[in-house]
Amino acid sequence: MPQKHTKDTLATEVAHKVRALCPKCGRTLNVTQQMVLDIVNTYLTELALALRDDNALQMRGLGTFRLADKRTTKWDPQRKESVPVPPAKTVRFKVAQAFVDIATGEDDPYAAVNPDLAVVAPHPDVAANFNAQTEGE
């Protein structure tokens, strides 16, 4: 069964990548999972606020978010008729091709920046060891 990612697991991965980059740039950063999680939560909140203010938000490499009106009618198959639904807003998302390429493994975003961070499937023992080390953060 594939691993389910949450904000916590993604924050752990980002913290790990930042720590791996730090020695390369000659700096020492003590980045914790909680720090990354706070950054991610703030970023997502700001994205939602920007979307609310502008009705659309384009993020190159990720995709485009836009606010849309939900349908005001819905088909009821039991009654075989349209049923009125109160007006509401929803968020639509169209994924960017660059994101699809990374997600499907056709492109490695870290290969050009830092070959040490190239995306490879870790050996199960390495993954278990890393998870054990980061659980205390």
C-alpha atoms as a PDB file:
ATOM      1  CA  MET A   1       0.000   0.000   0.000  1.00  0.00           C
ATOM      2  CA  PRO A   2       1.433   3.426  -0.905  1.00  0.00           C
ATOM      3  CA  GLN A   3       2.500   5.734   1.909  1.00  0.00           C
ATOM      4  CA  LYS A   4      -0.072   8.408   2.724  1.00  0.00           C
ATOM      5  CA  HIS A   5       1.472  11.864   2.941  1.00  0.00           C
ATOM      6  CA  THR A   6       0.231  14.446   5.413  1.00  0.00           C
ATOM      7  CA  LYS A   7       1.451  17.952   6.191  1.00  0.00           C
ATOM      8  CA  ASP A   8       3.576  16.413   8.964  1.00  0.00           C
ATOM      9  CA  THR A   9       5.301  13.916   6.667  1.00  0.00           C
ATOM     10  CA  LEU A  10       5.872  16.590   4.040  1.00  0.00           C
ATOM     11  CA  ALA A  11       7.295  18.939   6.694  1.00  0.00           C
ATOM     12  CA  THR A  12       9.701  16.176   7.743  1.00  0.00           C
ATOM     13  CA  GLU A  13      10.843  15.707   4.147  1.00  0.00           C
ATOM     14  CA  VAL A  14      11.335  19.465   3.640  1.00  0.00           C
ATOM     15  CA  ALA A  15      13.312  19.745   6.892  1.00  0.00           C
ATOM     16  CA  HIS A  16      15.502  16.848   5.747  1.00  0.00           C
ATOM     17  CA  LYS A  17      16.113  18.474   2.329  1.00  0.00           C
ATOM     18  CA  VAL A  18      16.957  21.847   3.934  1.00  0.00           C
ATOM     19  CA  ARG A  19      19.415  20.187   6.313  1.00  0.00           C
ATOM     20  CA  ALA A  20      21.022  18.406   3.365  1.00  0.00           C
ATOM     21  CA  LEU A  21      21.399  21.704   1.468  1.00  0.00           C
ATOM     22  CA  CYS A  22      22.901  23.655   4.376  1.00  0.00           C
ATOM     23  CA  PRO A  23      26.411  22.114   4.363  1.00  0.00           C
ATOM     24  CA  LYS A  24      26.606  22.824   0.618  1.00  0.00           C
ATOM     25  CA  CYS A  25      26.109  26.558   1.122  1.00  0.00           C
ATOM     26  CA  GLY A  26      28.483  26.790   4.085  1.00  0.00           C
ATOM     27  CA  ARG A  27      25.825  27.590   6.681  1.00  0.00           C
ATOM     28  CA  THR A  28      24.439  25.699   9.601  1.00  0.00           C
ATOM     29  CA  LEU A  29      20.680  25.878  10.031  1.00  0.00           C
ATOM     30  CA  ASN A  30      18.827  24.096  12.769  1.00  0.00           C
ATOM     31  CA  VAL A  31      15.525  23.541  10.976  1.00  0.00           C
ATOM     32  CA  THR A  32      12.962  21.505  12.864  1.00  0.00           C
ATOM     33  CA  GLN A  33       9.872  19.800  11.584  1.00  0.00           C
ATOM     34  CA  GLN A  34       7.714  22.234  13.596  1.00  0.00           C
ATOM     35  CA  MET A  35       9.400  25.233  11.956  1.00  0.00           C
ATOM     36  CA  VAL A  36       8.700  23.837   8.498  1.00  0.00           C
ATOM     37  CA  LEU A  37       5.127  22.971   9.492  1.00  0.00           C
ATOM     38  CA  ASP A  38       4.557  26.565  10.675  1.00  0.00           C
ATOM     39  CA  ILE A  39       5.931  27.866   7.360  1.00  0.00           C
ATOM     40  CA  VAL A  40       3.725  25.492   5.348  1.00  0.00           C
ATOM     41  CA  ASN A  41       0.605  26.439   7.356  1.00  0.00           C
ATOM     42  CA  THR A  42       1.327  30.159   6.947  1.00  0.00           C
ATOM     43  CA  TYR A  43       1.951  29.703   3.228  1.00  0.00           C
ATOM     44  CA  LEU A  44      -1.296  27.785   2.695  1.00  0.00           C
ATOM     45  CA  THR A  45      -3.262  30.411   4.640  1.00  0.00           C
ATOM     46  CA  GLU A  46      -1.764  33.208   2.538  1.00  0.00           C
ATOM     47  CA  LEU A  47      -2.623  31.279  -0.647  1.00  0.00           C
ATOM     48  CA  ALA A  48      -6.246  30.952   0.477  1.00  0.00           C
ATOM     49  CA  LEU A  49      -6.431  34.658   1.337  1.00  0.00           C
ATOM     50  CA  ALA A  50      -4.945  35.628  -2.034  1.00  0.00           C
ATOM     51  CA  LEU A  51      -7.427  33.367  -3.803  1.00  0.00           C
ATOM     52  CA  ARG A  52     -10.300  34.907  -1.849  1.00  0.00           C
ATOM     53  CA  ASP A  53      -9.179  38.429  -2.787  1.00  0.00           C
ATOM     54  CA  ASP A  54      -8.379  37.834  -6.472  1.00  0.00           C
ATOM     55  CA  ASN A  55     -10.665  34.871  -7.429  1.00  0.00           C
ATOM     56  CA  ALA A  56      -7.698  33.220  -9.200  1.00  0.00           C
ATOM     57  CA  LEU A  57      -4.139  32.288  -8.338  1.00  0.00           C
ATOM     58  CA  GLN A  58      -1.523  30.936 -10.735  1.00  0.00           C
ATOM     59  CA  MET A  59       1.552  29.207  -9.352  1.00  0.00           C
ATOM     60  CA  ARG A  60       4.047  28.357 -12.064  1.00  0.00           C
ATOM     61  CA  GLY A  61       5.115  24.752 -11.831  1.00  0.00           C
ATOM     62  CA  LEU A  62       2.147  23.788  -9.646  1.00  0.00           C
ATOM     63  CA  GLY A  63      -1.056  24.932 -11.342  1.00  0.00           C
ATOM     64  CA  THR A  64      -3.903  27.413 -11.269  1.00  0.00           C
ATOM     65  CA  PHE A  65      -6.507  27.789  -8.539  1.00  0.00           C
ATOM     66  CA  ARG A  66      -9.730  29.670  -9.203  1.00  0.00           C
ATOM     67  CA  LEU A  67     -12.965  30.331  -7.379  1.00  0.00           C
ATOM     68  CA  ALA A  68     -16.071  29.142  -9.191  1.00  0.00           C
ATOM     69  CA  ASP A  69     -19.792  29.109  -8.506  1.00  0.00           C
ATOM     70  CA  LYS A  70     -21.295  25.722  -7.760  1.00  0.00           C
ATOM     71  CA  ARG A  71     -24.256  24.612  -9.806  1.00  0.00           C
ATOM     72  CA  THR A  72     -27.538  25.781  -8.384  1.00  0.00           C
ATOM     73  CA  THR A  73     -29.356  22.627  -9.471  1.00  0.00           C
ATOM     74  CA  LYS A  74     -28.542  18.975  -8.997  1.00  0.00           C
ATOM     75  CA  TRP A  75     -30.072  15.933 -10.661  1.00  0.00           C
ATOM     76  CA  ASP A  76     -31.926  13.580  -8.327  1.00  0.00           C
ATOM     77  CA  PRO A  77     -31.978  10.123  -9.961  1.00  0.00           C
ATOM     78  CA  GLN A  78     -34.646   8.769  -7.591  1.00  0.00           C
ATOM     79  CA  ARG A  79     -37.138  11.516  -8.360  1.00  0.00           C
ATOM     80  CA  LYS A  80     -35.848  11.938 -11.908  1.00  0.00           C
ATOM     81  CA  GLU A  81     -35.890  15.707 -11.620  1.00  0.00           C
ATOM     82  CA  SER A  82     -33.647  18.668 -10.922  1.00  0.00           C
ATOM     83  CA  VAL A  83     -33.419  19.762  -7.304  1.00  0.00           C
ATOM     84  CA  PRO A  84     -32.505  23.355  -6.385  1.00  0.00           C
ATOM     85  CA  VAL A  85     -29.274  23.757  -4.427  1.00  0.00           C
ATOM     86  CA  PRO A  86     -28.318  26.969  -2.600  1.00  0.00           C
ATOM     87  CA  PRO A  87     -25.627  29.005  -4.390  1.00  0.00           C
ATOM     88  CA  ALA A  88     -22.104  28.452  -3.095  1.00  0.00           C
ATOM     89  CA  LYS A  89     -18.475  28.846  -4.122  1.00  0.00           C
ATOM     90  CA  THR A  90     -15.912  26.125  -4.697  1.00  0.00           C
ATOM     91  CA  VAL A  91     -12.220  26.016  -5.594  1.00  0.00           C
ATOM     92  CA  ARG A  92     -11.187  24.551  -8.944  1.00  0.00           C
ATOM     93  CA  PHE A  93      -7.616  23.490  -9.681  1.00  0.00           C
ATOM     94  CA  LYS A  94      -5.849  22.820 -12.973  1.00  0.00           C
ATOM     95  CA  VAL A  95      -2.494  21.144 -12.506  1.00  0.00           C
ATOM     96  CA  ALA A  96       0.583  22.386 -14.402  1.00  0.00           C
ATOM     97  CA  GLN A  97       2.407  20.021 -16.751  1.00  0.00           C
ATOM     98  CA  ALA A  98       5.698  20.585 -14.873  1.00  0.00           C
ATOM     99  CA  PHE A  99       4.069  19.279 -11.690  1.00  0.00           C
ATOM    100  CA  VAL A 100       2.703  16.249 -13.531  1.00  0.00           C
ATOM    101  CA  ASP A 101       6.175  15.490 -14.893  1.00  0.00           C
ATOM    102  CA  ILE A 102       7.685  15.554 -11.396  1.00  0.00           C
ATOM    103  CA  ALA A 103       4.829  13.548  -9.837  1.00  0.00           C
ATOM    104  CA  THR A 104       5.004  10.843 -12.505  1.00  0.00           C
ATOM    105  CA  GLY A 105       8.791  10.575 -12.272  1.00  0.00           C
ATOM    106  CA  GLU A 106       9.518  11.996 -15.725  1.00  0.00           C
ATOM    107  CA  ASP A 107      11.476  14.907 -14.238  1.00  0.00           C
ATOM    108  CA  ASP A 108      13.709  15.196 -11.159  1.00  0.00           C
ATOM    109  CA  PRO A 109      13.607  18.718  -9.731  1.00  0.00           C
ATOM    110  CA  TYR A 110      16.705  18.274  -7.560  1.00  0.00           C
ATOM    111  CA  ALA A 111      19.011  16.696 -10.133  1.00  0.00           C
ATOM    112  CA  ALA A 112      20.114  20.016 -11.662  1.00  0.00           C
ATOM    113  CA  VAL A 113      20.202  21.959  -8.370  1.00  0.00           C
ATOM    114  CA  ASN A 114      21.960  19.434  -6.162  1.00  0.00           C
ATOM    115  CA  PRO A 115      22.623  15.842  -7.284  1.00  0.00           C
ATOM    116  CA  ASP A 116      22.861  14.781  -3.613  1.00  0.00           C
ATOM    117  CA  LEU A 117      19.147  15.509  -3.261  1.00  0.00           C
ATOM    118  CA  ALA A 118      18.081  13.664  -6.407  1.00  0.00           C
ATOM    119  CA  VAL A 119      14.828  11.851  -5.895  1.00  0.00           C
ATOM    120  CA  VAL A 120      15.458   8.158  -5.421  1.00  0.00           C
ATOM    121  CA  ALA A 121      13.478   5.583  -3.526  1.00  0.00           C
ATOM    122  CA  PRO A 122      15.305   5.061  -0.214  1.00  0.00           C
ATOM    123  CA  HIS A 123      16.164   1.609   1.029  1.00  0.00           C
ATOM    124  CA  PRO A 124      13.561   0.578   3.661  1.00  0.00           C
ATOM    125  CA  ASP A 125      16.257   0.442   6.380  1.00  0.00           C
ATOM    126  CA  VAL A 126      17.403   3.976   5.569  1.00  0.00           C
ATOM    127  CA  ALA A 127      13.829   5.283   5.587  1.00  0.00           C
ATOM    128  CA  ALA A 128      13.108   3.583   8.930  1.00  0.00           C
ATOM    129  CA  ASN A 129      16.316   4.997  10.440  1.00  0.00           C
ATOM    130  CA  PHE A 130      15.478   8.524   9.224  1.00  0.00           C
ATOM    131  CA  ASN A 131      11.934   8.277  10.556  1.00  0.00           C
ATOM    132  CA  ALA A 132      13.241   7.122  13.948  1.00  0.00           C
ATOM    133  CA  GLN A 133      15.653  10.082  14.083  1.00  0.00           C
ATOM    134  CA  THR A 134      13.030  12.684  13.155  1.00  0.00           C
ATOM    135  CA  GLU A 135      10.262  11.432  15.463  1.00  0.00           C
ATOM    136  CA  GLY A 136      11.818  13.279  18.408  1.00  0.00           C
ATOM    137  CA  GLU A 137      11.564  16.699  16.711  1.00  0.00           C
END
